[in-house]
Amino acid sequence: MRVRYSPESIDVLQRVVEFVEVKSPFAARRIAIDLQEGIDKLKQFPEIGLPVLKAPNPEQIRDLYISNYTVRYLIADEVIYILRVWHNKENERN
């Protein structure tokens, strides 16, 4: 399976790393690595995230929890689409 990122998810990932990097470059690097490694696991295990029960098709739209972040993704035929990424202290928007 391949992984594709929505423009919103790319923007959030960049902002997270840039925000943390100001205070701690090491922590920013660690967050980036943790998120990338977690997302890479989806290639082999696309269903490791929890189904989003309020989604129209919960088996396809899932949430993967990586450290203090949630990665929402969609499982399609041969592609996993990363839809959104947010810090768990944020209010969930959808």
PDB file of N, CA and C in Angstrom:
ATOM      1  N   MET A   1       0.842  -1.182   0.000  1.00  0.00           N
ATOM      2  CA  MET A   1       0.000   0.000   0.000  1.00  0.00           C
ATOM      3  C   MET A   1       0.887   1.246   0.000  1.00  0.00           C
ATOM      4  N   ARG A   2       0.369   2.281  -0.585  1.00  0.00           N
ATOM      5  CA  ARG A   2       1.068   3.568  -0.600  1.00  0.00           C
ATOM      6  C   ARG A   2       0.363   4.521   0.347  1.00  0.00           C
ATOM      7  N   VAL A   3       1.095   5.530   0.795  1.00  0.00           N
ATOM      8  CA  VAL A   3       0.536   6.554   1.670  1.00  0.00           C
ATOM      9  C   VAL A   3       0.588   7.885   0.936  1.00  0.00           C
ATOM     10  N   ARG A   4      -0.525   8.592   0.961  1.00  0.00           N
ATOM     11  CA  ARG A   4      -0.608   9.929   0.373  1.00  0.00           C
ATOM     12  C   ARG A   4      -1.115  10.881   1.455  1.00  0.00           C
ATOM     13  N   TYR A   5      -0.627  12.111   1.406  1.00  0.00           N
ATOM     14  CA  TYR A   5      -0.980  13.115   2.412  1.00  0.00           C
ATOM     15  C   TYR A   5      -1.856  14.206   1.807  1.00  0.00           C
ATOM     16  N   SER A   6      -2.884  14.606   2.533  1.00  0.00           N
ATOM     17  CA  SER A   6      -3.680  15.754   2.101  1.00  0.00           C
ATOM     18  C   SER A   6      -2.852  17.011   2.330  1.00  0.00           C
ATOM     19  N   PRO A   7      -3.139  18.084   1.595  1.00  0.00           N
ATOM     20  CA  PRO A   7      -2.411  19.336   1.832  1.00  0.00           C
ATOM     21  C   PRO A   7      -2.537  19.813   3.282  1.00  0.00           C
ATOM     22  N   GLU A   8      -3.701  19.643   3.882  1.00  0.00           N
ATOM     23  CA  GLU A   8      -3.900  20.060   5.283  1.00  0.00           C
ATOM     24  C   GLU A   8      -2.990  19.277   6.218  1.00  0.00           C
ATOM     25  N   SER A   9      -2.872  17.978   6.012  1.00  0.00           N
ATOM     26  CA  SER A   9      -2.039  17.175   6.907  1.00  0.00           C
ATOM     27  C   SER A   9      -0.565  17.555   6.775  1.00  0.00           C
ATOM     28  N   ILE A  10      -0.118  17.877   5.576  1.00  0.00           N
ATOM     29  CA  ILE A  10       1.268  18.310   5.378  1.00  0.00           C
ATOM     30  C   ILE A  10       1.518  19.632   6.092  1.00  0.00           C
ATOM     31  N   ASP A  11       0.576  20.565   5.955  1.00  0.00           N
ATOM     32  CA  ASP A  11       0.710  21.863   6.634  1.00  0.00           C
ATOM     33  C   ASP A  11       0.803  21.702   8.142  1.00  0.00           C
ATOM     34  N   VAL A  12      -0.053  20.869   8.704  1.00  0.00           N
ATOM     35  CA  VAL A  12      -0.048  20.667  10.161  1.00  0.00           C
ATOM     36  C   VAL A  12       1.259  20.035  10.613  1.00  0.00           C
ATOM     37  N   LEU A  13       1.721  19.040   9.901  1.00  0.00           N
ATOM     38  CA  LEU A  13       2.982  18.388  10.272  1.00  0.00           C
ATOM     39  C   LEU A  13       4.135  19.385  10.257  1.00  0.00           C
ATOM     40  N   GLN A  14       4.174  20.229   9.249  1.00  0.00           N
ATOM     41  CA  GLN A  14       5.237  21.236   9.181  1.00  0.00           C
ATOM     42  C   GLN A  14       5.124  22.234  10.332  1.00  0.00           C
ATOM     43  N   ARG A  15       3.907  22.683  10.633  1.00  0.00           N
ATOM     44  CA  ARG A  15       3.722  23.649  11.720  1.00  0.00           C
ATOM     45  C   ARG A  15       4.098  23.059  13.074  1.00  0.00           C
ATOM     46  N   VAL A  16       3.749  21.806  13.290  1.00  0.00           N
ATOM     47  CA  VAL A  16       4.083  21.151  14.560  1.00  0.00           C
ATOM     48  C   VAL A  16       5.597  21.132  14.752  1.00  0.00           C
ATOM     49  N   VAL A  17       6.298  20.669  13.734  1.00  0.00           N
ATOM     50  CA  VAL A  17       7.753  20.559  13.844  1.00  0.00           C
ATOM     51  C   VAL A  17       8.382  21.939  14.019  1.00  0.00           C
ATOM     52  N   GLU A  18       7.939  22.915  13.245  1.00  0.00           N
ATOM     53  CA  GLU A  18       8.487  24.269  13.357  1.00  0.00           C
ATOM     54  C   GLU A  18       8.208  24.882  14.722  1.00  0.00           C
ATOM     55  N   PHE A  19       7.018  24.664  15.266  1.00  0.00           N
ATOM     56  CA  PHE A  19       6.651  25.213  16.571  1.00  0.00           C
ATOM     57  C   PHE A  19       7.527  24.632  17.677  1.00  0.00           C
ATOM     58  N   VAL A  20       7.676  23.333  17.678  1.00  0.00           N
ATOM     59  CA  VAL A  20       8.459  22.665  18.720  1.00  0.00           C
ATOM     60  C   VAL A  20       9.946  22.951  18.541  1.00  0.00           C
ATOM     61  N   GLU A  21      10.387  23.078  17.308  1.00  0.00           N
ATOM     62  CA  GLU A  21      11.803  23.276  17.009  1.00  0.00           C
ATOM     63  C   GLU A  21      12.370  24.545  17.662  1.00  0.00           C
ATOM     64  N   VAL A  22      11.538  25.563  17.826  1.00  0.00           N
ATOM     65  CA  VAL A  22      11.973  26.815  18.451  1.00  0.00           C
ATOM     66  C   VAL A  22      12.467  26.554  19.873  1.00  0.00           C
ATOM     67  N   LYS A  23      11.759  25.695  20.601  1.00  0.00           N
ATOM     68  CA  LYS A  23      12.134  25.407  21.989  1.00  0.00           C
ATOM     69  C   LYS A  23      13.115  24.245  22.094  1.00  0.00           C
ATOM     70  N   SER A  24      12.944  23.263  21.211  1.00  0.00           N
ATOM     71  CA  SER A  24      13.790  22.079  21.315  1.00  0.00           C
ATOM     72  C   SER A  24      13.921  21.376  19.960  1.00  0.00           C
ATOM     73  N   PRO A  25      15.023  21.602  19.276  1.00  0.00           N
ATOM     74  CA  PRO A  25      15.235  20.910  17.993  1.00  0.00           C
ATOM     75  C   PRO A  25      15.202  19.384  18.141  1.00  0.00           C
ATOM     76  N   PHE A  26      15.726  18.888  19.260  1.00  0.00           N
ATOM     77  CA  PHE A  26      15.721  17.446  19.485  1.00  0.00           C
ATOM     78  C   PHE A  26      14.285  16.923  19.586  1.00  0.00           C
ATOM     79  N   ALA A  27      13.437  17.603  20.345  1.00  0.00           N
ATOM     80  CA  ALA A  27      12.040  17.178  20.503  1.00  0.00           C
ATOM     81  C   ALA A  27      11.303  17.239  19.160  1.00  0.00           C
ATOM     82  N   ALA A  28      11.568  18.271  18.386  1.00  0.00           N
ATOM     83  CA  ALA A  28      10.924  18.402  17.077  1.00  0.00           C
ATOM     84  C   ALA A  28      11.315  17.238  16.174  1.00  0.00           C
ATOM     85  N   ARG A  29      12.578  16.900  16.184  1.00  0.00           N
ATOM     86  CA  ARG A  29      13.065  15.776  15.376  1.00  0.00           C
ATOM     87  C   ARG A  29      12.420  14.476  15.853  1.00  0.00           C
ATOM     88  N   ARG A  30      12.302  14.309  17.160  1.00  0.00           N
ATOM     89  CA  ARG A  30      11.697  13.096  17.729  1.00  0.00           C
ATOM     90  C   ARG A  30      10.219  12.973  17.326  1.00  0.00           C
ATOM     91  N   ILE A  31       9.500  14.089  17.386  1.00  0.00           N
ATOM     92  CA  ILE A  31       8.087  14.076  16.987  1.00  0.00           C
ATOM     93  C   ILE A  31       7.960  13.703  15.518  1.00  0.00           C
ATOM     94  N   ALA A  32       8.774  14.316  14.672  1.00  0.00           N
ATOM     95  CA  ALA A  32       8.723  14.031  13.235  1.00  0.00           C
ATOM     96  C   ALA A  32       9.012  12.556  12.957  1.00  0.00           C
ATOM     97  N   ILE A  33      10.025  12.023  13.627  1.00  0.00           N
ATOM     98  CA  ILE A  33      10.375  10.606  13.439  1.00  0.00           C
ATOM     99  C   ILE A  33       9.256   9.702  13.926  1.00  0.00           C
ATOM    100  N   ASP A  34       8.717   9.983  15.112  1.00  0.00           N
ATOM    101  CA  ASP A  34       7.633   9.158  15.661  1.00  0.00           C
ATOM    102  C   ASP A  34       6.416   9.139  14.736  1.00  0.00           C
ATOM    103  N   LEU A  35       6.033  10.326  14.247  1.00  0.00           N
ATOM    104  CA  LEU A  35       4.882  10.392  13.348  1.00  0.00           C
ATOM    105  C   LEU A  35       5.161   9.636  12.051  1.00  0.00           C
ATOM    106  N   GLN A  36       6.327   9.821  11.482  1.00  0.00           N
ATOM    107  CA  GLN A  36       6.651   9.141  10.227  1.00  0.00           C
ATOM    108  C   GLN A  36       6.694   7.627  10.407  1.00  0.00           C
ATOM    109  N   GLU A  37       7.302   7.169  11.487  1.00  0.00           N
ATOM    110  CA  GLU A  37       7.361   5.720  11.730  1.00  0.00           C
ATOM    111  C   GLU A  37       5.964   5.139  11.954  1.00  0.00           C
ATOM    112  N   GLY A  38       5.141   5.852  12.695  1.00  0.00           N
ATOM    113  CA  GLY A  38       3.772   5.385  12.937  1.00  0.00           C
ATOM    114  C   GLY A  38       2.970   5.308  11.651  1.00  0.00           C
ATOM    115  N   ILE A  39       3.076   6.346  10.833  1.00  0.00           N
ATOM    116  CA  ILE A  39       2.354   6.368   9.564  1.00  0.00           C
ATOM    117  C   ILE A  39       2.886   5.293   8.620  1.00  0.00           C
ATOM    118  N   ASP A  40       4.184   5.058   8.625  1.00  0.00           N
ATOM    119  CA  ASP A  40       4.765   4.008   7.772  1.00  0.00           C
ATOM    120  C   ASP A  40       4.216   2.628   8.119  1.00  0.00           C
ATOM    121  N   LYS A  41       3.883   2.403   9.378  1.00  0.00           N
ATOM    122  CA  LYS A  41       3.316   1.106   9.778  1.00  0.00           C
ATOM    123  C   LYS A  41       1.986   0.825   9.085  1.00  0.00           C
ATOM    124  N   LEU A  42       1.290   1.894   8.690  1.00  0.00           N
ATOM    125  CA  LEU A  42       0.011   1.719   8.006  1.00  0.00           C
ATOM    126  C   LEU A  42       0.166   0.986   6.677  1.00  0.00           C
ATOM    127  N   LYS A  43       1.332   1.080   6.069  1.00  0.00           N
ATOM    128  CA  LYS A  43       1.554   0.403   4.790  1.00  0.00           C
ATOM    129  C   LYS A  43       1.369  -1.104   4.929  1.00  0.00           C
ATOM    130  N   GLN A  44       1.824  -1.658   6.041  1.00  0.00           N
ATOM    131  CA  GLN A  44       1.698  -3.103   6.270  1.00  0.00           C
ATOM    132  C   GLN A  44       0.446  -3.458   7.058  1.00  0.00           C
ATOM    133  N   PHE A  45       0.041  -2.557   7.940  1.00  0.00           N
ATOM    134  CA  PHE A  45      -1.096  -2.834   8.826  1.00  0.00           C
ATOM    135  C   PHE A  45      -2.111  -1.691   8.749  1.00  0.00           C
ATOM    136  N   PRO A  46      -2.811  -1.565   7.633  1.00  0.00           N
ATOM    137  CA  PRO A  46      -3.689  -0.415   7.447  1.00  0.00           C
ATOM    138  C   PRO A  46      -4.838  -0.321   8.453  1.00  0.00           C
ATOM    139  N   GLU A  47      -5.180  -1.407   9.099  1.00  0.00           N
ATOM    140  CA  GLU A  47      -6.320  -1.385  10.011  1.00  0.00           C
ATOM    141  C   GLU A  47      -5.916  -1.267  11.481  1.00  0.00           C
ATOM    142  N   ILE A  48      -4.674  -0.839  11.765  1.00  0.00           N
ATOM    143  CA  ILE A  48      -4.255  -0.736  13.165  1.00  0.00           C
ATOM    144  C   ILE A  48      -4.926   0.430  13.893  1.00  0.00           C
ATOM    145  N   GLY A  49      -5.384   1.418  13.139  1.00  0.00           N
ATOM    146  CA  GLY A  49      -6.080   2.536  13.776  1.00  0.00           C
ATOM    147  C   GLY A  49      -7.488   2.131  14.176  1.00  0.00           C
ATOM    148  N   LEU A  50      -8.070   2.932  15.053  1.00  0.00           N
ATOM    149  CA  LEU A  50      -9.437   2.665  15.497  1.00  0.00           C
ATOM    150  C   LEU A  50     -10.435   3.257  14.520  1.00  0.00           C
ATOM    151  N   PRO A  51     -11.520   2.530  14.221  1.00  0.00           N
ATOM    152  CA  PRO A  51     -12.548   3.066  13.327  1.00  0.00           C
ATOM    153  C   PRO A  51     -13.169   4.335  13.913  1.00  0.00           C
ATOM    154  N   VAL A  52     -13.462   5.289  13.042  1.00  0.00           N
ATOM    155  CA  VAL A  52     -14.154   6.510  13.453  1.00  0.00           C
ATOM    156  C   VAL A  52     -15.641   6.203  13.341  1.00  0.00           C
ATOM    157  N   LEU A  53     -16.261   5.942  14.464  1.00  0.00           N
ATOM    158  CA  LEU A  53     -17.632   5.432  14.481  1.00  0.00           C
ATOM    159  C   LEU A  53     -18.640   6.391  13.866  1.00  0.00           C
ATOM    160  N   LYS A  54     -18.390   7.693  13.944  1.00  0.00           N
ATOM    161  CA  LYS A  54     -19.350   8.637  13.375  1.00  0.00           C
ATOM    162  C   LYS A  54     -19.132   8.874  11.876  1.00  0.00           C
ATOM    163  N   ALA A  55     -18.132   8.239  11.295  1.00  0.00           N
ATOM    164  CA  ALA A  55     -17.873   8.366   9.858  1.00  0.00           C
ATOM    165  C   ALA A  55     -18.897   7.542   9.080  1.00  0.00           C
ATOM    166  N   PRO A  56     -19.172   7.921   7.830  1.00  0.00           N
ATOM    167  CA  PRO A  56     -20.116   7.144   7.018  1.00  0.00           C
ATOM    168  C   PRO A  56     -19.696   5.681   6.869  1.00  0.00           C
ATOM    169  N   ASN A  57     -18.379   5.442   6.763  1.00  0.00           N
ATOM    170  CA  ASN A  57     -17.870   4.078   6.674  1.00  0.00           C
ATOM    171  C   ASN A  57     -16.714   3.921   7.654  1.00  0.00           C
ATOM    172  N   PRO A  58     -17.017   3.566   8.899  1.00  0.00           N
ATOM    173  CA  PRO A  58     -15.985   3.503   9.939  1.00  0.00           C
ATOM    174  C   PRO A  58     -14.841   2.540   9.661  1.00  0.00           C
ATOM    175  N   GLU A  59     -15.074   1.553   8.838  1.00  0.00           N
ATOM    176  CA  GLU A  59     -13.990   0.615   8.548  1.00  0.00           C
ATOM    177  C   GLU A  59     -12.949   1.220   7.615  1.00  0.00           C
ATOM    178  N   GLN A  60     -13.316   2.275   6.918  1.00  0.00           N
ATOM    179  CA  GLN A  60     -12.370   2.909   6.000  1.00  0.00           C
ATOM    180  C   GLN A  60     -11.718   4.145   6.599  1.00  0.00           C
ATOM    181  N   ILE A  61     -12.408   4.846   7.460  1.00  0.00           N
ATOM    182  CA  ILE A  61     -11.857   6.050   8.077  1.00  0.00           C
ATOM    183  C   ILE A  61     -11.492   5.710   9.512  1.00  0.00           C
ATOM    184  N   ARG A  62     -10.200   5.898   9.827  1.00  0.00           N
ATOM    185  CA  ARG A  62      -9.683   5.456  11.121  1.00  0.00           C
ATOM    186  C   ARG A  62      -8.789   6.510  11.738  1.00  0.00           C
ATOM    187  N   ASP A  63      -8.587   6.373  13.040  1.00  0.00           N
ATOM    188  CA  ASP A  63      -7.684   7.241  13.783  1.00  0.00           C
ATOM    189  C   ASP A  63      -6.538   6.404  14.336  1.00  0.00           C
ATOM    190  N   LEU A  64      -5.326   6.862  14.079  1.00  0.00           N
ATOM    191  CA  LEU A  64      -4.127   6.235  14.616  1.00  0.00           C
ATOM    192  C   LEU A  64      -3.536   7.185  15.639  1.00  0.00           C
ATOM    193  N   TYR A  65      -3.318   6.707  16.845  1.00  0.00           N
ATOM    194  CA  TYR A  65      -2.773   7.530  17.918  1.00  0.00           C
ATOM    195  C   TYR A  65      -1.273   7.285  18.013  1.00  0.00           C
ATOM    196  N   ILE A  66      -0.525   8.367  17.836  1.00  0.00           N
ATOM    197  CA  ILE A  66       0.938   8.303  17.885  1.00  0.00           C
ATOM    198  C   ILE A  66       1.393   9.344  18.886  1.00  0.00           C
ATOM    199  N   SER A  67       1.873   8.882  20.020  1.00  0.00           N
ATOM    200  CA  SER A  67       2.317   9.778  21.075  1.00  0.00           C
ATOM    201  C   SER A  67       1.170  10.708  21.435  1.00  0.00           C
ATOM    202  N   ASN A  68       1.353  12.011  21.324  1.00  0.00           N
ATOM    203  CA  ASN A  68       0.308  12.975  21.676  1.00  0.00           C
ATOM    204  C   ASN A  68      -0.491  13.442  20.463  1.00  0.00           C
ATOM    205  N   TYR A  69      -0.433  12.710  19.381  1.00  0.00           N
ATOM    206  CA  TYR A  69      -1.069  13.134  18.135  1.00  0.00           C
ATOM    207  C   TYR A  69      -2.039  12.076  17.627  1.00  0.00           C
ATOM    208  N   THR A  70      -3.044  12.558  16.906  1.00  0.00           N
ATOM    209  CA  THR A  70      -3.989  11.677  16.238  1.00  0.00           C
ATOM    210  C   THR A  70      -3.835  11.885  14.739  1.00  0.00           C
ATOM    211  N   VAL A  71      -3.746  10.775  14.024  1.00  0.00           N
ATOM    212  CA  VAL A  71      -3.656  10.798  12.572  1.00  0.00           C
ATOM    213  C   VAL A  71      -4.938  10.160  12.042  1.00  0.00           C
ATOM    214  N   ARG A  72      -5.743  10.962  11.346  1.00  0.00           N
ATOM    215  CA  ARG A  72      -6.963  10.420  10.741  1.00  0.00           C
ATOM    216  C   ARG A  72      -6.643  10.068   9.294  1.00  0.00           C
ATOM    217  N   TYR A  73      -7.052   8.864   8.903  1.00  0.00           N
ATOM    218  CA  TYR A  73      -6.731   8.405   7.558  1.00  0.00           C
ATOM    219  C   TYR A  73      -7.871   7.623   6.943  1.00  0.00           C
ATOM    220  N   LEU A  74      -7.817   7.510   5.624  1.00  0.00           N
ATOM    221  CA  LEU A  74      -8.812   6.796   4.843  1.00  0.00           C
ATOM    222  C   LEU A  74      -8.124   5.651   4.129  1.00  0.00           C
ATOM    223  N   ILE A  75      -8.688   4.472   4.258  1.00  0.00           N
ATOM    224  CA  ILE A  75      -8.156   3.304   3.553  1.00  0.00           C
ATOM    225  C   ILE A  75      -8.914   3.162   2.237  1.00  0.00           C
ATOM    226  N   ALA A  76      -8.191   3.276   1.135  1.00  0.00           N
ATOM    227  CA  ALA A  76      -8.775   3.072  -0.198  1.00  0.00           C
ATOM    228  C   ALA A  76      -8.178   1.791  -0.769  1.00  0.00           C
ATOM    229  N   ASP A  77      -8.391   1.540  -2.050  1.00  0.00           N
ATOM    230  CA  ASP A  77      -7.940   0.281  -2.658  1.00  0.00           C
ATOM    231  C   ASP A  77      -6.476  -0.031  -2.359  1.00  0.00           C
ATOM    232  N   GLU A  78      -5.571   0.716  -2.905  1.00  0.00           N
ATOM    233  CA  GLU A  78      -4.147   0.473  -2.699  1.00  0.00           C
ATOM    234  C   GLU A  78      -3.441   1.677  -2.097  1.00  0.00           C
ATOM    235  N   VAL A  79      -4.235   2.617  -1.582  1.00  0.00           N
ATOM    236  CA  VAL A  79      -3.679   3.861  -1.051  1.00  0.00           C
ATOM    237  C   VAL A  79      -4.297   4.171   0.305  1.00  0.00           C
ATOM    238  N   ILE A  80      -3.454   4.663   1.187  1.00  0.00           N
ATOM    239  CA  ILE A  80      -3.921   5.181   2.471  1.00  0.00           C
ATOM    240  C   ILE A  80      -3.756   6.688   2.394  1.00  0.00           C
ATOM    241  N   TYR A  81      -4.852   7.402   2.581  1.00  0.00           N
ATOM    242  CA  TYR A  81      -4.826   8.861   2.524  1.00  0.00           C
ATOM    243  C   TYR A  81      -4.793   9.423   3.940  1.00  0.00           C
ATOM    244  N   ILE A  82      -3.757  10.173   4.248  1.00  0.00           N
ATOM    245  CA  ILE A  82      -3.673  10.855   5.538  1.00  0.00           C
ATOM    246  C   ILE A  82      -4.518  12.117   5.397  1.00  0.00           C
ATOM    247  N   LEU A  83      -5.601  12.188   6.137  1.00  0.00           N
ATOM    248  CA  LEU A  83      -6.547  13.289   6.005  1.00  0.00           C
ATOM    249  C   LEU A  83      -6.203  14.469   6.909  1.00  0.00           C
ATOM    250  N   ARG A  84      -5.916  14.159   8.172  1.00  0.00           N
ATOM    251  CA  ARG A  84      -5.654  15.215   9.156  1.00  0.00           C
ATOM    252  C   ARG A  84      -4.709  14.691  10.221  1.00  0.00           C
ATOM    253  N   VAL A  85      -4.045  15.627  10.871  1.00  0.00           N
ATOM    254  CA  VAL A  85      -3.199  15.314  12.021  1.00  0.00           C
ATOM    255  C   VAL A  85      -3.460  16.411  13.037  1.00  0.00           C
ATOM    256  N   TRP A  86      -3.631  16.030  14.300  1.00  0.00           N
ATOM    257  CA  TRP A  86      -3.798  17.050  15.330  1.00  0.00           C
ATOM    258  C   TRP A  86      -3.243  16.569  16.655  1.00  0.00           C
ATOM    259  N   HIS A  87      -2.899  17.537  17.483  1.00  0.00           N
ATOM    260  CA  HIS A  87      -2.435  17.242  18.837  1.00  0.00           C
ATOM    261  C   HIS A  87      -3.647  16.869  19.662  1.00  0.00           C
ATOM    262  N   ASN A  88      -3.498  15.913  20.553  1.00  0.00           N
ATOM    263  CA  ASN A  88      -4.641  15.423  21.318  1.00  0.00           C
ATOM    264  C   ASN A  88      -5.228  16.445  22.284  1.00  0.00           C
ATOM    265  N   LYS A  89      -4.520  17.531  22.557  1.00  0.00           N
ATOM    266  CA  LYS A  89      -5.081  18.585  23.403  1.00  0.00           C
ATOM    267  C   LYS A  89      -6.012  19.511  22.628  1.00  0.00           C
ATOM    268  N   GLU A  90      -5.972  19.428  21.304  1.00  0.00           N
ATOM    269  CA  GLU A  90      -6.870  20.231  20.490  1.00  0.00           C
ATOM    270  C   GLU A  90      -8.265  19.626  20.521  1.00  0.00           C
ATOM    271  N   ASN A  91      -9.254  20.452  20.312  1.00  0.00           N
ATOM    272  CA  ASN A  91     -10.610  19.928  20.172  1.00  0.00           C
ATOM    273  C   ASN A  91     -10.712  19.261  18.821  1.00  0.00           C
ATOM    274  N   GLU A  92     -11.311  18.099  18.805  1.00  0.00           N
ATOM    275  CA  GLU A  92     -11.504  17.381  17.542  1.00  0.00           C
ATOM    276  C   GLU A  92     -12.541  18.153  16.721  1.00  0.00           C
ATOM    277  N   ARG A  93     -12.178  18.451  15.494  1.00  0.00           N
ATOM    278  CA  ARG A  93     -13.088  19.205  14.635  1.00  0.00           C
ATOM    279  C   ARG A  93     -14.012  18.294  13.839  1.00  0.00           C
ATOM    280  N   ASN A  94     -13.562  17.119  13.502  1.00  0.00           N
ATOM    281  CA  ASN A  94     -14.381  16.157  12.748  1.00  0.00           C
ATOM    282  C   ASN A  94     -13.819  14.779  12.921  1.00  0.00           C
TER     283      ASN A  94
END
